[in-house]
Amino acid sequence: MWEVQIQDRVGRWGKQMSIFRKVGNNYEVLCNDLNTVEMVDNGALTVDKHTFNLDPDVFEALVNAIHKDFKPSEGKFTEGKLEATTGHLNDLRQLLKLK
């Protein structure tokens, strides 16, 4: 399973994005041509291997596009929870004659 890690670029503006997956005790990092991979050990993954460098405005545009067009796989079951909780609280207020 591929994973994505986004970090601040050390000593520079913007972000760096790593797209990787675990293979045995090492990691396979997708290179910036998006066609090749490079094997690295765990320490190198977080220190100096990344797929893209993103300027702040490009990173912001990417986040906005993802937020607008895609639903996250994590947390998708929490949609509507706030509305349901609010409804339950209103019901309890009515039952307890707090309204």
PDB file of N, CA and C in Angstrom:
ATOM      1  N   MET A   1       0.835  -1.168   0.000  1.00  0.00           N
ATOM      2  CA  MET A   1       0.000   0.000   0.000  1.00  0.00           C
ATOM      3  C   MET A   1       0.893   1.248   0.000  1.00  0.00           C
ATOM      4  N   TRP A   2       0.635   2.147  -0.903  1.00  0.00           N
ATOM      5  CA  TRP A   2       1.398   3.394  -0.985  1.00  0.00           C
ATOM      6  C   TRP A   2       0.982   4.340   0.129  1.00  0.00           C
ATOM      7  N   GLU A   3       1.942   5.084   0.652  1.00  0.00           N
ATOM      8  CA  GLU A   3       1.694   6.097   1.676  1.00  0.00           C
ATOM      9  C   GLU A   3       2.241   7.426   1.176  1.00  0.00           C
ATOM     10  N   VAL A   4       1.730   8.510   1.733  1.00  0.00           N
ATOM     11  CA  VAL A   4       2.193   9.850   1.380  1.00  0.00           C
ATOM     12  C   VAL A   4       2.594  10.566   2.659  1.00  0.00           C
ATOM     13  N   GLN A   5       3.749  11.197   2.622  1.00  0.00           N
ATOM     14  CA  GLN A   5       4.253  11.961   3.770  1.00  0.00           C
ATOM     15  C   GLN A   5       4.578  13.366   3.273  1.00  0.00           C
ATOM     16  N   ILE A   6       4.089  14.382   3.966  1.00  0.00           N
ATOM     17  CA  ILE A   6       4.349  15.778   3.600  1.00  0.00           C
ATOM     18  C   ILE A   6       5.055  16.438   4.763  1.00  0.00           C
ATOM     19  N   GLN A   7       6.192  17.080   4.461  1.00  0.00           N
ATOM     20  CA  GLN A   7       6.994  17.734   5.496  1.00  0.00           C
ATOM     21  C   GLN A   7       7.383  19.134   5.028  1.00  0.00           C
ATOM     22  N   ASP A   8       7.708  19.987   5.999  1.00  0.00           N
ATOM     23  CA  ASP A   8       8.296  21.282   5.654  1.00  0.00           C
ATOM     24  C   ASP A   8       9.663  21.039   5.037  1.00  0.00           C
ATOM     25  N   ARG A   9      10.018  21.836   4.051  1.00  0.00           N
ATOM     26  CA  ARG A   9      11.350  21.748   3.461  1.00  0.00           C
ATOM     27  C   ARG A   9      12.322  22.424   4.414  1.00  0.00           C
ATOM     28  N   VAL A  10      13.361  21.731   4.789  1.00  0.00           N
ATOM     29  CA  VAL A  10      14.325  22.241   5.757  1.00  0.00           C
ATOM     30  C   VAL A  10      15.079  23.427   5.142  1.00  0.00           C
ATOM     31  N   GLY A  11      15.018  24.569   5.809  1.00  0.00           N
ATOM     32  CA  GLY A  11      15.756  25.753   5.365  1.00  0.00           C
ATOM     33  C   GLY A  11      15.188  26.428   4.137  1.00  0.00           C
ATOM     34  N   ARG A  12      13.989  26.046   3.698  1.00  0.00           N
ATOM     35  CA  ARG A  12      13.387  26.633   2.506  1.00  0.00           C
ATOM     36  C   ARG A  12      11.883  26.757   2.709  1.00  0.00           C
ATOM     37  N   TRP A  13      11.262  27.576   1.858  1.00  0.00           N
ATOM     38  CA  TRP A  13       9.809  27.701   1.862  1.00  0.00           C
ATOM     39  C   TRP A  13       9.208  26.507   1.154  1.00  0.00           C
ATOM     40  N   GLY A  14       8.005  26.151   1.523  1.00  0.00           N
ATOM     41  CA  GLY A  14       7.284  25.104   0.828  1.00  0.00           C
ATOM     42  C   GLY A  14       7.322  23.777   1.552  1.00  0.00           C
ATOM     43  N   LYS A  15       6.881  22.768   0.848  1.00  0.00           N
ATOM     44  CA  LYS A  15       6.765  21.431   1.403  1.00  0.00           C
ATOM     45  C   LYS A  15       7.496  20.443   0.512  1.00  0.00           C
ATOM     46  N   GLN A  16       7.831  19.308   1.081  1.00  0.00           N
ATOM     47  CA  GLN A  16       8.325  18.197   0.281  1.00  0.00           C
ATOM     48  C   GLN A  16       7.394  17.016   0.521  1.00  0.00           C
ATOM     49  N   MET A  17       7.088  16.317  -0.543  1.00  0.00           N
ATOM     50  CA  MET A  17       6.162  15.196  -0.482  1.00  0.00           C
ATOM     51  C   MET A  17       6.894  13.922  -0.869  1.00  0.00           C
ATOM     52  N   SER A  18       6.734  12.906  -0.045  1.00  0.00           N
ATOM     53  CA  SER A  18       7.289  11.592  -0.340  1.00  0.00           C
ATOM     54  C   SER A  18       6.146  10.612  -0.550  1.00  0.00           C
ATOM     55  N   ILE A  19       6.209   9.856  -1.629  1.00  0.00           N
ATOM     56  CA  ILE A  19       5.244   8.794  -1.901  1.00  0.00           C
ATOM     57  C   ILE A  19       6.040   7.494  -1.821  1.00  0.00           C
ATOM     58  N   PHE A  20       5.661   6.607  -0.919  1.00  0.00           N
ATOM     59  CA  PHE A  20       6.489   5.438  -0.630  1.00  0.00           C
ATOM     60  C   PHE A  20       5.647   4.257  -0.191  1.00  0.00           C
ATOM     61  N   ARG A  21       6.289   3.087  -0.150  1.00  0.00           N
ATOM     62  CA  ARG A  21       5.667   1.893   0.411  1.00  0.00           C
ATOM     63  C   ARG A  21       6.751   1.020   1.029  1.00  0.00           C
ATOM     64  N   LYS A  22       6.359   0.283   2.053  1.00  0.00           N
ATOM     65  CA  LYS A  22       7.289  -0.587   2.760  1.00  0.00           C
ATOM     66  C   LYS A  22       7.500  -1.868   1.961  1.00  0.00           C
ATOM     67  N   VAL A  23       8.764  -2.243   1.799  1.00  0.00           N
ATOM     68  CA  VAL A  23       9.145  -3.488   1.124  1.00  0.00           C
ATOM     69  C   VAL A  23      10.173  -4.153   2.024  1.00  0.00           C
ATOM     70  N   GLY A  24       9.743  -5.166   2.751  1.00  0.00           N
ATOM     71  CA  GLY A  24      10.636  -5.803   3.714  1.00  0.00           C
ATOM     72  C   GLY A  24      10.979  -4.827   4.828  1.00  0.00           C
ATOM     73  N   ASN A  25      12.300  -4.654   5.097  1.00  0.00           N
ATOM     74  CA  ASN A  25      12.736  -3.708   6.119  1.00  0.00           C
ATOM     75  C   ASN A  25      13.069  -2.340   5.535  1.00  0.00           C
ATOM     76  N   ASN A  26      12.909  -2.170   4.242  1.00  0.00           N
ATOM     77  CA  ASN A  26      13.240  -0.924   3.567  1.00  0.00           C
ATOM     78  C   ASN A  26      11.991  -0.295   2.966  1.00  0.00           C
ATOM     79  N   TYR A  27      12.187   0.818   2.293  1.00  0.00           N
ATOM     80  CA  TYR A  27      11.096   1.515   1.637  1.00  0.00           C
ATOM     81  C   TYR A  27      11.424   1.741   0.177  1.00  0.00           C
ATOM     82  N   GLU A  28      10.406   1.712  -0.627  1.00  0.00           N
ATOM     83  CA  GLU A  28      10.495   2.022  -2.037  1.00  0.00           C
ATOM     84  C   GLU A  28       9.874   3.414  -2.202  1.00  0.00           C
ATOM     85  N   VAL A  29      10.663   4.385  -2.662  1.00  0.00           N
ATOM     86  CA  VAL A  29      10.187   5.760  -2.811  1.00  0.00           C
ATOM     87  C   VAL A  29       9.961   6.038  -4.288  1.00  0.00           C
ATOM     88  N   LEU A  30       8.785   6.551  -4.609  1.00  0.00           N
ATOM     89  CA  LEU A  30       8.478   6.926  -5.979  1.00  0.00           C
ATOM     90  C   LEU A  30       9.292   8.157  -6.344  1.00  0.00           C
ATOM     91  N   CYS A  31      10.030   8.084  -7.441  1.00  0.00           N
ATOM     92  CA  CYS A  31      10.866   9.206  -7.881  1.00  0.00           C
ATOM     93  C   CYS A  31      10.001  10.274  -8.548  1.00  0.00           C
ATOM     94  N   ASN A  32      10.586  11.466  -8.728  1.00  0.00           N
ATOM     95  CA  ASN A  32       9.786  12.578  -9.233  1.00  0.00           C
ATOM     96  C   ASN A  32       9.368  12.443 -10.688  1.00  0.00           C
ATOM     97  N   ASP A  33       9.896  11.455 -11.416  1.00  0.00           N
ATOM     98  CA  ASP A  33       9.393  11.214 -12.776  1.00  0.00           C
ATOM     99  C   ASP A  33       8.121  10.366 -12.746  1.00  0.00           C
ATOM    100  N   LEU A  34       7.753   9.863 -11.560  1.00  0.00           N
ATOM    101  CA  LEU A  34       6.558   9.058 -11.302  1.00  0.00           C
ATOM    102  C   LEU A  34       6.553   7.709 -12.026  1.00  0.00           C
ATOM    103  N   ASN A  35       7.694   7.323 -12.594  1.00  0.00           N
ATOM    104  CA  ASN A  35       7.784   6.042 -13.292  1.00  0.00           C
ATOM    105  C   ASN A  35       8.783   5.093 -12.662  1.00  0.00           C
ATOM    106  N   THR A  36       9.679   5.610 -11.835  1.00  0.00           N
ATOM    107  CA  THR A  36      10.704   4.764 -11.239  1.00  0.00           C
ATOM    108  C   THR A  36      10.645   4.874  -9.723  1.00  0.00           C
ATOM    109  N   VAL A  37      11.228   3.882  -9.071  1.00  0.00           N
ATOM    110  CA  VAL A  37      11.283   3.885  -7.613  1.00  0.00           C
ATOM    111  C   VAL A  37      12.731   3.722  -7.183  1.00  0.00           C
ATOM    112  N   GLU A  38      13.008   4.157  -5.968  1.00  0.00           N
ATOM    113  CA  GLU A  38      14.343   4.026  -5.396  1.00  0.00           C
ATOM    114  C   GLU A  38      14.202   3.379  -4.034  1.00  0.00           C
ATOM    115  N   MET A  39      15.012   2.366  -3.759  1.00  0.00           N
ATOM    116  CA  MET A  39      14.972   1.689  -2.471  1.00  0.00           C
ATOM    117  C   MET A  39      15.806   2.470  -1.459  1.00  0.00           C
ATOM    118  N   VAL A  40      15.270   2.699  -0.287  1.00  0.00           N
ATOM    119  CA  VAL A  40      15.991   3.380   0.786  1.00  0.00           C
ATOM    120  C   VAL A  40      15.690   2.678   2.098  1.00  0.00           C
ATOM    121  N   ASP A  41      16.585   2.875   3.079  1.00  0.00           N
ATOM    122  CA  ASP A  41      16.266   2.336   4.397  1.00  0.00           C
ATOM    123  C   ASP A  41      15.384   3.337   5.131  1.00  0.00           C
ATOM    124  N   ASN A  42      14.859   2.932   6.250  1.00  0.00           N
ATOM    125  CA  ASN A  42      13.886   3.732   6.986  1.00  0.00           C
ATOM    126  C   ASN A  42      14.410   5.119   7.339  1.00  0.00           C
ATOM    127  N   GLY A  43      15.657   5.239   7.781  1.00  0.00           N
ATOM    128  CA  GLY A  43      16.206   6.537   8.163  1.00  0.00           C
ATOM    129  C   GLY A  43      16.313   7.501   7.010  1.00  0.00           C
ATOM    130  N   ALA A  44      16.677   7.020   5.841  1.00  0.00           N
ATOM    131  CA  ALA A  44      16.827   7.898   4.673  1.00  0.00           C
ATOM    132  C   ALA A  44      15.482   8.409   4.184  1.00  0.00           C
ATOM    133  N   LEU A  45      14.436   7.675   4.424  1.00  0.00           N
ATOM    134  CA  LEU A  45      13.117   8.093   3.958  1.00  0.00           C
ATOM    135  C   LEU A  45      12.726   9.436   4.556  1.00  0.00           C
ATOM    136  N   THR A  46      12.907   9.588   5.857  1.00  0.00           N
ATOM    137  CA  THR A  46      12.475  10.817   6.509  1.00  0.00           C
ATOM    138  C   THR A  46      13.505  11.922   6.414  1.00  0.00           C
ATOM    139  N   VAL A  47      14.729  11.619   6.066  1.00  0.00           N
ATOM    140  CA  VAL A  47      15.776  12.634   6.059  1.00  0.00           C
ATOM    141  C   VAL A  47      15.952  13.275   4.695  1.00  0.00           C
ATOM    142  N   ASP A  48      16.127  12.484   3.638  1.00  0.00           N
ATOM    143  CA  ASP A  48      16.524  13.125   2.385  1.00  0.00           C
ATOM    144  C   ASP A  48      15.882  12.570   1.121  1.00  0.00           C
ATOM    145  N   LYS A  49      14.954  11.674   1.220  1.00  0.00           N
ATOM    146  CA  LYS A  49      14.321  11.131   0.022  1.00  0.00           C
ATOM    147  C   LYS A  49      12.897  11.653  -0.081  1.00  0.00           C
ATOM    148  N   HIS A  50      12.591  12.259  -1.206  1.00  0.00           N
ATOM    149  CA  HIS A  50      11.234  12.740  -1.424  1.00  0.00           C
ATOM    150  C   HIS A  50      10.920  12.740  -2.914  1.00  0.00           C
ATOM    151  N   THR A  51       9.644  12.748  -3.216  1.00  0.00           N
ATOM    152  CA  THR A  51       9.179  12.666  -4.593  1.00  0.00           C
ATOM    153  C   THR A  51       9.055  14.047  -5.221  1.00  0.00           C
ATOM    154  N   PHE A  52       8.496  15.003  -4.494  1.00  0.00           N
ATOM    155  CA  PHE A  52       8.276  16.360  -5.016  1.00  0.00           C
ATOM    156  C   PHE A  52       8.711  17.406  -4.017  1.00  0.00           C
ATOM    157  N   ASN A  53       9.134  18.554  -4.518  1.00  0.00           N
ATOM    158  CA  ASN A  53       9.217  19.783  -3.746  1.00  0.00           C
ATOM    159  C   ASN A  53       8.073  20.659  -4.233  1.00  0.00           C
ATOM    160  N   LEU A  54       7.306  21.214  -3.308  1.00  0.00           N
ATOM    161  CA  LEU A  54       6.147  22.017  -3.670  1.00  0.00           C
ATOM    162  C   LEU A  54       6.268  23.415  -3.089  1.00  0.00           C
ATOM    163  N   ASP A  55       6.175  24.426  -3.940  1.00  0.00           N
ATOM    164  CA  ASP A  55       6.118  25.807  -3.466  1.00  0.00           C
ATOM    165  C   ASP A  55       4.832  25.994  -2.668  1.00  0.00           C
ATOM    166  N   PRO A  56       4.801  26.974  -1.766  1.00  0.00           N
ATOM    167  CA  PRO A  56       3.607  27.148  -0.921  1.00  0.00           C
ATOM    168  C   PRO A  56       2.311  27.321  -1.716  1.00  0.00           C
ATOM    169  N   ASP A  57       2.337  28.081  -2.805  1.00  0.00           N
ATOM    170  CA  ASP A  57       1.104  28.288  -3.568  1.00  0.00           C
ATOM    171  C   ASP A  57       0.661  27.017  -4.289  1.00  0.00           C
ATOM    172  N   VAL A  58       1.609  26.208  -4.751  1.00  0.00           N
ATOM    173  CA  VAL A  58       1.278  24.934  -5.397  1.00  0.00           C
ATOM    174  C   VAL A  58       0.713  23.968  -4.362  1.00  0.00           C
ATOM    175  N   PHE A  59       1.319  23.920  -3.186  1.00  0.00           N
ATOM    176  CA  PHE A  59       0.830  23.046  -2.121  1.00  0.00           C
ATOM    177  C   PHE A  59      -0.592  23.434  -1.726  1.00  0.00           C
ATOM    178  N   GLU A  60      -0.845  24.731  -1.588  1.00  0.00           N
ATOM    179  CA  GLU A  60      -2.183  25.204  -1.229  1.00  0.00           C
ATOM    180  C   GLU A  60      -3.207  24.819  -2.300  1.00  0.00           C
ATOM    181  N   ALA A  61      -2.843  24.977  -3.574  1.00  0.00           N
ATOM    182  CA  ALA A  61      -3.751  24.600  -4.662  1.00  0.00           C
ATOM    183  C   ALA A  61      -4.035  23.099  -4.643  1.00  0.00           C
ATOM    184  N   LEU A  62      -3.009  22.290  -4.368  1.00  0.00           N
ATOM    185  CA  LEU A  62      -3.183  20.834  -4.295  1.00  0.00           C
ATOM    186  C   LEU A  62      -4.133  20.459  -3.163  1.00  0.00           C
ATOM    187  N   VAL A  63      -3.925  21.042  -1.996  1.00  0.00           N
ATOM    188  CA  VAL A  63      -4.790  20.744  -0.847  1.00  0.00           C
ATOM    189  C   VAL A  63      -6.224  21.169  -1.137  1.00  0.00           C
ATOM    190  N   ASN A  64      -6.408  22.333  -1.737  1.00  0.00           N
ATOM    191  CA  ASN A  64      -7.756  22.807  -2.055  1.00  0.00           C
ATOM    192  C   ASN A  64      -8.446  21.894  -3.061  1.00  0.00           C
ATOM    193  N   ALA A  65      -7.706  21.431  -4.077  1.00  0.00           N
ATOM    194  CA  ALA A  65      -8.290  20.539  -5.079  1.00  0.00           C
ATOM    195  C   ALA A  65      -8.687  19.201  -4.460  1.00  0.00           C
ATOM    196  N   ILE A  66      -7.830  18.661  -3.617  1.00  0.00           N
ATOM    197  CA  ILE A  66      -8.135  17.389  -2.966  1.00  0.00           C
ATOM    198  C   ILE A  66      -9.340  17.545  -2.050  1.00  0.00           C
ATOM    199  N   HIS A  67      -9.369  18.624  -1.285  1.00  0.00           N
ATOM    200  CA  HIS A  67     -10.465  18.852  -0.349  1.00  0.00           C
ATOM    201  C   HIS A  67     -11.790  19.023  -1.091  1.00  0.00           C
ATOM    202  N   LYS A  68     -11.750  19.676  -2.234  1.00  0.00           N
ATOM    203  CA  LYS A  68     -12.967  19.942  -3.003  1.00  0.00           C
ATOM    204  C   LYS A  68     -13.483  18.696  -3.708  1.00  0.00           C
ATOM    205  N   ASP A  69     -12.600  17.914  -4.287  1.00  0.00           N
ATOM    206  CA  ASP A  69     -13.012  16.847  -5.192  1.00  0.00           C
ATOM    207  C   ASP A  69     -12.997  15.443  -4.609  1.00  0.00           C
ATOM    208  N   PHE A  70     -12.368  15.233  -3.463  1.00  0.00           N
ATOM    209  CA  PHE A  70     -12.230  13.880  -2.929  1.00  0.00           C
ATOM    210  C   PHE A  70     -12.594  13.843  -1.460  1.00  0.00           C
ATOM    211  N   LYS A  71     -13.176  12.727  -1.072  1.00  0.00           N
ATOM    212  CA  LYS A  71     -13.459  12.483   0.338  1.00  0.00           C
ATOM    213  C   LYS A  71     -12.326  11.630   0.892  1.00  0.00           C
ATOM    214  N   PRO A  72     -11.821  11.950   2.086  1.00  0.00           N
ATOM    215  CA  PRO A  72     -10.740  11.139   2.654  1.00  0.00           C
ATOM    216  C   PRO A  72     -11.227   9.745   3.012  1.00  0.00           C
ATOM    217  N   SER A  73     -10.329   8.764   2.858  1.00  0.00           N
ATOM    218  CA  SER A  73     -10.695   7.400   3.238  1.00  0.00           C
ATOM    219  C   SER A  73     -10.789   7.270   4.751  1.00  0.00           C
ATOM    220  N   GLU A  74      -9.957   8.013   5.471  1.00  0.00           N
ATOM    221  CA  GLU A  74     -10.044   8.026   6.928  1.00  0.00           C
ATOM    222  C   GLU A  74     -11.074   9.054   7.332  1.00  0.00           C
ATOM    223  N   GLY A  75     -11.927   8.700   8.255  1.00  0.00           N
ATOM    224  CA  GLY A  75     -12.904   9.653   8.753  1.00  0.00           C
ATOM    225  C   GLY A  75     -14.176   9.730   7.929  1.00  0.00           C
ATOM    226  N   LYS A  76     -14.304   8.934   6.871  1.00  0.00           N
ATOM    227  CA  LYS A  76     -15.493   9.038   6.044  1.00  0.00           C
ATOM    228  C   LYS A  76     -16.746   8.570   6.783  1.00  0.00           C
ATOM    229  N   PHE A  77     -16.573   7.811   7.848  1.00  0.00           N
ATOM    230  CA  PHE A  77     -17.720   7.340   8.603  1.00  0.00           C
ATOM    231  C   PHE A  77     -18.184   8.380   9.628  1.00  0.00           C
ATOM    232  N   THR A  78     -17.463   9.486   9.763  1.00  0.00           N
ATOM    233  CA  THR A  78     -17.854  10.503  10.734  1.00  0.00           C
ATOM    234  C   THR A  78     -18.699  11.598  10.119  1.00  0.00           C
ATOM    235  N   GLU A  79     -18.927  11.539   8.795  1.00  0.00           N
ATOM    236  CA  GLU A  79     -19.763  12.549   8.167  1.00  0.00           C
ATOM    237  C   GLU A  79     -21.152  12.502   8.774  1.00  0.00           C
ATOM    238  N   GLY A  80     -21.677  13.650   9.110  1.00  0.00           N
ATOM    239  CA  GLY A  80     -23.015  13.711   9.675  1.00  0.00           C
ATOM    240  C   GLY A  80     -23.076  13.476  11.161  1.00  0.00           C
ATOM    241  N   LYS A  81     -21.942  13.168  11.791  1.00  0.00           N
ATOM    242  CA  LYS A  81     -21.959  12.897  13.231  1.00  0.00           C
ATOM    243  C   LYS A  81     -22.345  14.133  14.032  1.00  0.00           C
ATOM    244  N   LEU A  82     -21.860  15.298  13.630  1.00  0.00           N
ATOM    245  CA  LEU A  82     -22.179  16.512  14.364  1.00  0.00           C
ATOM    246  C   LEU A  82     -23.674  16.795  14.306  1.00  0.00           C
ATOM    247  N   GLU A  83     -24.263  16.630  13.125  1.00  0.00           N
ATOM    248  CA  GLU A  83     -25.694  16.859  12.992  1.00  0.00           C
ATOM    249  C   GLU A  83     -26.488  15.877  13.859  1.00  0.00           C
ATOM    250  N   ALA A  84     -26.065  14.632  13.869  1.00  0.00           N
ATOM    251  CA  ALA A  84     -26.755  13.623  14.671  1.00  0.00           C
ATOM    252  C   ALA A  84     -26.622  13.926  16.166  1.00  0.00           C
ATOM    253  N   THR A  85     -25.426  14.330  16.582  1.00  0.00           N
ATOM    254  CA  THR A  85     -25.206  14.668  17.988  1.00  0.00           C
ATOM    255  C   THR A  85     -26.064  15.854  18.391  1.00  0.00           C
ATOM    256  N   THR A  86     -26.126  16.853  17.529  1.00  0.00           N
ATOM    257  CA  THR A  86     -26.948  18.028  17.807  1.00  0.00           C
ATOM    258  C   THR A  86     -28.414  17.624  17.943  1.00  0.00           C
ATOM    259  N   GLY A  87     -28.860  16.741  17.053  1.00  0.00           N
ATOM    260  CA  GLY A  87     -30.245  16.257  17.137  1.00  0.00           C
ATOM    261  C   GLY A  87     -30.518  15.516  18.428  1.00  0.00           C
ATOM    262  N   HIS A  88     -29.584  14.672  18.848  1.00  0.00           N
ATOM    263  CA  HIS A  88     -29.747  13.923  20.103  1.00  0.00           C
ATOM    264  C   HIS A  88     -29.772  14.860  21.301  1.00  0.00           C
ATOM    265  N   LEU A  89     -28.936  15.884  21.299  1.00  0.00           N
ATOM    266  CA  LEU A  89     -28.932  16.851  22.399  1.00  0.00           C
ATOM    267  C   LEU A  89     -30.252  17.608  22.463  1.00  0.00           C
ATOM    268  N   ASN A  90     -30.780  17.983  21.317  1.00  0.00           N
ATOM    269  CA  ASN A  90     -32.078  18.667  21.307  1.00  0.00           C
ATOM    270  C   ASN A  90     -33.178  17.758  21.836  1.00  0.00           C
ATOM    271  N   ASP A  91     -33.147  16.474  21.455  1.00  0.00           N
ATOM    272  CA  ASP A  91     -34.130  15.520  21.967  1.00  0.00           C
ATOM    273  C   ASP A  91     -34.031  15.392  23.484  1.00  0.00           C
ATOM    274  N   LEU A  92     -32.786  15.303  23.999  1.00  0.00           N
ATOM    275  CA  LEU A  92     -32.599  15.197  25.456  1.00  0.00           C
ATOM    276  C   LEU A  92     -33.105  16.446  26.170  1.00  0.00           C
ATOM    277  N   ARG A  93     -32.873  17.600  25.589  1.00  0.00           N
ATOM    278  CA  ARG A  93     -33.374  18.851  26.209  1.00  0.00           C
ATOM    279  C   ARG A  93     -34.888  18.838  26.301  1.00  0.00           C
ATOM    280  N   GLN A  94     -35.561  18.339  25.263  1.00  0.00           N
ATOM    281  CA  GLN A  94     -37.005  18.273  25.276  1.00  0.00           C
ATOM    282  C   GLN A  94     -37.502  17.266  26.322  1.00  0.00           C
ATOM    283  N   LEU A  95     -36.827  16.083  26.373  1.00  0.00           N
ATOM    284  CA  LEU A  95     -37.227  15.064  27.348  1.00  0.00           C
ATOM    285  C   LEU A  95     -37.051  15.538  28.783  1.00  0.00           C
ATOM    286  N   LEU A  96     -35.965  16.272  29.008  1.00  0.00           N
ATOM    287  CA  LEU A  96     -35.672  16.760  30.366  1.00  0.00           C
ATOM    288  C   LEU A  96     -36.318  18.109  30.646  1.00  0.00           C
ATOM    289  N   LYS A  97     -37.103  18.573  29.675  1.00  0.00           N
ATOM    290  CA  LYS A  97     -37.828  19.851  29.791  1.00  0.00           C
ATOM    291  C   LYS A  97     -36.868  21.009  30.105  1.00  0.00           C
ATOM    292  N   LEU A  98     -35.714  20.996  29.392  1.00  0.00           N
ATOM    293  CA  LEU A  98     -34.725  22.075  29.533  1.00  0.00           C
ATOM    294  C   LEU A  98     -34.942  23.148  28.463  1.00  0.00           C
ATOM    295  N   LYS A  99     -35.886  22.947  27.597  1.00  0.00           N
ATOM    296  CA  LYS A  99     -36.133  23.897  26.526  1.00  0.00           C
ATOM    297  C   LYS A  99     -37.402  24.627  26.744  1.00  0.00           C
TER     298      LYS A  99
END
